[in-house]
Amino acid sequence: MSYPRPEGIICFHCQQSAEKYLKGFLFQKNVDFPKIHDLRILLKLCEAVDAQFSTILPKCNTLNRYSVIPRYPDELEITSADTDNAIKYAKEIRDFVKGKRSADAEIKTAEGDTNDTL
């Protein structure tokens, strides 16, 4: 039996995932951030620490649409293709941020610092 996919909820959780990864990076870098859900603002704070974060701006812009709007279904029509892209972008943002963490760990190890905070 096949069940319909709740596209709006899936996209919302993809946005939430990206938000948590960006906030986790900022927390790890001891950067204060406001209590917001706007990925673009969080990304700007991340870019101030590492300019390479600008490469994920298009993905953040896409996911940012799903922060609140899917709670009001008449405001935004979300397709299966949108959902597939949201999942892909959330994974790519996760991998990007985790890659930054791995790079930091390698630098710390090379410098003799093995204290890992996250």
C-alpha atoms as a PDB file:
ATOM      1  CA  MET A   1       0.000   0.000   0.000  1.00  0.00           C
ATOM      2  CA  SER A   2       1.297   3.446  -0.892  1.00  0.00           C
ATOM      3  CA  TYR A   3       0.749   6.443   1.371  1.00  0.00           C
ATOM      4  CA  PRO A   4       0.863  10.071   0.191  1.00  0.00           C
ATOM      5  CA  ARG A   5       3.981  11.985   1.189  1.00  0.00           C
ATOM      6  CA  PRO A   6       3.454  14.950   3.475  1.00  0.00           C
ATOM      7  CA  GLU A   7       5.580  17.284   1.337  1.00  0.00           C
ATOM      8  CA  GLY A   8       5.193  20.346   3.516  1.00  0.00           C
ATOM      9  CA  ILE A   9       6.261  18.558   6.677  1.00  0.00           C
ATOM     10  CA  ILE A  10       9.245  16.938   4.959  1.00  0.00           C
ATOM     11  CA  CYS A  11      10.417  20.294   3.587  1.00  0.00           C
ATOM     12  CA  PHE A  12       9.931  21.928   6.986  1.00  0.00           C
ATOM     13  CA  HIS A  13      12.131  19.304   8.655  1.00  0.00           C
ATOM     14  CA  CYS A  14      14.777  19.701   5.948  1.00  0.00           C
ATOM     15  CA  GLN A  15      14.894  23.430   6.731  1.00  0.00           C
ATOM     16  CA  GLN A  16      15.103  22.628  10.439  1.00  0.00           C
ATOM     17  CA  SER A  17      17.990  20.239   9.824  1.00  0.00           C
ATOM     18  CA  ALA A  18      19.943  22.894   7.923  1.00  0.00           C
ATOM     19  CA  GLU A  19      19.186  25.429  10.649  1.00  0.00           C
ATOM     20  CA  LYS A  20      20.504  23.127  13.368  1.00  0.00           C
ATOM     21  CA  TYR A  21      23.719  22.391  11.459  1.00  0.00           C
ATOM     22  CA  LEU A  22      24.399  26.101  10.911  1.00  0.00           C
ATOM     23  CA  LYS A  23      23.658  26.880  14.562  1.00  0.00           C
ATOM     24  CA  GLY A  24      25.855  23.961  15.632  1.00  0.00           C
ATOM     25  CA  PHE A  25      28.744  25.363  13.598  1.00  0.00           C
ATOM     26  CA  LEU A  26      28.259  28.805  15.129  1.00  0.00           C
ATOM     27  CA  PHE A  27      28.068  27.323  18.617  1.00  0.00           C
ATOM     28  CA  GLN A  28      31.283  25.362  18.029  1.00  0.00           C
ATOM     29  CA  LYS A  29      32.992  28.585  16.923  1.00  0.00           C
ATOM     30  CA  ASN A  30      31.669  30.501  19.958  1.00  0.00           C
ATOM     31  CA  VAL A  31      29.649  32.854  17.771  1.00  0.00           C
ATOM     32  CA  ASP A  32      26.495  34.276  19.345  1.00  0.00           C
ATOM     33  CA  PHE A  33      23.426  34.031  17.134  1.00  0.00           C
ATOM     34  CA  PRO A  34      19.869  35.306  17.511  1.00  0.00           C
ATOM     35  CA  LYS A  35      16.920  33.005  18.158  1.00  0.00           C
ATOM     36  CA  ILE A  36      15.764  32.956  14.552  1.00  0.00           C
ATOM     37  CA  HIS A  37      14.913  30.475  11.834  1.00  0.00           C
ATOM     38  CA  ASP A  38      16.181  32.504   8.873  1.00  0.00           C
ATOM     39  CA  LEU A  39      18.932  30.465   7.220  1.00  0.00           C
ATOM     40  CA  ARG A  40      20.209  33.500   5.324  1.00  0.00           C
ATOM     41  CA  ILE A  41      21.018  35.391   8.515  1.00  0.00           C
ATOM     42  CA  LEU A  42      22.627  32.340  10.099  1.00  0.00           C
ATOM     43  CA  LEU A  43      24.623  31.776   6.924  1.00  0.00           C
ATOM     44  CA  LYS A  44      25.971  35.344   7.002  1.00  0.00           C
ATOM     45  CA  LEU A  45      27.234  34.699  10.527  1.00  0.00           C
ATOM     46  CA  CYS A  46      28.874  31.475   9.343  1.00  0.00           C
ATOM     47  CA  GLU A  47      30.437  33.309   6.381  1.00  0.00           C
ATOM     48  CA  ALA A  48      32.047  35.771   8.801  1.00  0.00           C
ATOM     49  CA  VAL A  49      33.956  32.790  10.216  1.00  0.00           C
ATOM     50  CA  ASP A  50      34.504  30.910   6.943  1.00  0.00           C
ATOM     51  CA  ALA A  51      33.879  32.519   3.550  1.00  0.00           C
ATOM     52  CA  GLN A  52      33.314  29.107   1.930  1.00  0.00           C
ATOM     53  CA  PHE A  53      29.850  29.043   3.490  1.00  0.00           C
ATOM     54  CA  SER A  54      28.763  31.348   0.652  1.00  0.00           C
ATOM     55  CA  THR A  55      28.759  28.277  -1.606  1.00  0.00           C
ATOM     56  CA  ILE A  56      25.651  26.898   0.111  1.00  0.00           C
ATOM     57  CA  LEU A  57      23.638  30.119  -0.187  1.00  0.00           C
ATOM     58  CA  PRO A  58      21.373  28.850  -3.015  1.00  0.00           C
ATOM     59  CA  LYS A  59      20.492  25.760  -0.984  1.00  0.00           C
ATOM     60  CA  CYS A  60      19.775  27.861   2.103  1.00  0.00           C
ATOM     61  CA  ASN A  61      17.602  30.227   0.063  1.00  0.00           C
ATOM     62  CA  THR A  62      15.529  27.302  -1.193  1.00  0.00           C
ATOM     63  CA  LEU A  63      15.130  25.679   2.225  1.00  0.00           C
ATOM     64  CA  ASN A  64      14.404  29.008   3.897  1.00  0.00           C
ATOM     65  CA  ARG A  65      11.008  29.090   2.165  1.00  0.00           C
ATOM     66  CA  TYR A  66       9.923  26.087   4.214  1.00  0.00           C
ATOM     67  CA  SER A  67      10.540  27.557   7.664  1.00  0.00           C
ATOM     68  CA  VAL A  68       6.994  28.715   8.369  1.00  0.00           C
ATOM     69  CA  ILE A  69       5.001  28.774   5.145  1.00  0.00           C
ATOM     70  CA  PRO A  70       4.268  25.014   4.924  1.00  0.00           C
ATOM     71  CA  ARG A  71       2.245  25.358   8.100  1.00  0.00           C
ATOM     72  CA  TYR A  72      -0.190  27.333   5.959  1.00  0.00           C
ATOM     73  CA  PRO A  73      -0.780  25.033   2.966  1.00  0.00           C
ATOM     74  CA  ASP A  74      -2.632  27.567   0.845  1.00  0.00           C
ATOM     75  CA  GLU A  75       0.393  29.887   0.826  1.00  0.00           C
ATOM     76  CA  LEU A  76       2.859  27.593  -0.952  1.00  0.00           C
ATOM     77  CA  GLU A  77       2.294  24.659  -3.267  1.00  0.00           C
ATOM     78  CA  ILE A  78       5.001  22.067  -2.650  1.00  0.00           C
ATOM     79  CA  THR A  79       5.575  19.322  -5.192  1.00  0.00           C
ATOM     80  CA  SER A  80       7.339  15.977  -4.926  1.00  0.00           C
ATOM     81  CA  ALA A  81      10.237  17.514  -6.855  1.00  0.00           C
ATOM     82  CA  ASP A  82      10.458  20.296  -4.237  1.00  0.00           C
ATOM     83  CA  THR A  83      10.556  17.658  -1.517  1.00  0.00           C
ATOM     84  CA  ASP A  84      13.272  15.679  -3.293  1.00  0.00           C
ATOM     85  CA  ASN A  85      15.361  18.845  -3.682  1.00  0.00           C
ATOM     86  CA  ALA A  86      14.814  19.819  -0.047  1.00  0.00           C
ATOM     87  CA  ILE A  87      16.079  16.423   1.107  1.00  0.00           C
ATOM     88  CA  LYS A  88      19.067  16.679  -1.230  1.00  0.00           C
ATOM     89  CA  TYR A  89      19.934  20.206  -0.081  1.00  0.00           C
ATOM     90  CA  ALA A  90      19.575  19.351   3.609  1.00  0.00           C
ATOM     91  CA  LYS A  91      21.978  16.442   3.145  1.00  0.00           C
ATOM     92  CA  GLU A  92      24.423  18.625   1.206  1.00  0.00           C
ATOM     93  CA  ILE A  93      24.360  21.304   3.921  1.00  0.00           C
ATOM     94  CA  ARG A  94      24.852  18.612   6.571  1.00  0.00           C
ATOM     95  CA  ASP A  95      27.813  17.174   4.678  1.00  0.00           C
ATOM     96  CA  PHE A  96      29.309  20.630   4.117  1.00  0.00           C
ATOM     97  CA  VAL A  97      29.129  21.579   7.805  1.00  0.00           C
ATOM     98  CA  LYS A  98      30.353  18.162   8.941  1.00  0.00           C
ATOM     99  CA  GLY A  99      33.241  18.534   6.491  1.00  0.00           C
ATOM    100  CA  LYS A 100      34.173  21.808   8.176  1.00  0.00           C
ATOM    101  CA  ARG A 101      34.124  20.055  11.520  1.00  0.00           C
ATOM    102  CA  SER A 102      36.358  17.257  10.193  1.00  0.00           C
ATOM    103  CA  ALA A 103      38.793  19.799   8.761  1.00  0.00           C
ATOM    104  CA  ASP A 104      38.906  21.593  12.128  1.00  0.00           C
ATOM    105  CA  ALA A 105      39.564  18.303  13.924  1.00  0.00           C
ATOM    106  CA  GLU A 106      42.450  17.509  11.559  1.00  0.00           C
ATOM    107  CA  ILE A 107      43.989  20.937  12.164  1.00  0.00           C
ATOM    108  CA  LYS A 108      43.629  20.581  15.935  1.00  0.00           C
ATOM    109  CA  THR A 109      45.187  17.110  15.842  1.00  0.00           C
ATOM    110  CA  ALA A 110      48.085  18.405  13.760  1.00  0.00           C
ATOM    111  CA  GLU A 111      48.560  21.192  16.305  1.00  0.00           C
ATOM    112  CA  GLY A 112      48.420  18.709  19.189  1.00  0.00           C
ATOM    113  CA  ASP A 113      44.996  19.816  20.496  1.00  0.00           C
ATOM    114  CA  THR A 114      42.766  16.749  20.914  1.00  0.00           C
ATOM    115  CA  ASN A 115      39.980  18.472  22.885  1.00  0.00           C
ATOM    116  CA  ASP A 116      36.853  17.899  20.760  1.00  0.00           C
ATOM    117  CA  THR A 117      33.831  19.980  21.802  1.00  0.00           C
ATOM    118  CA  LEU A 118      31.106  18.580  19.505  1.00  0.00           C
END
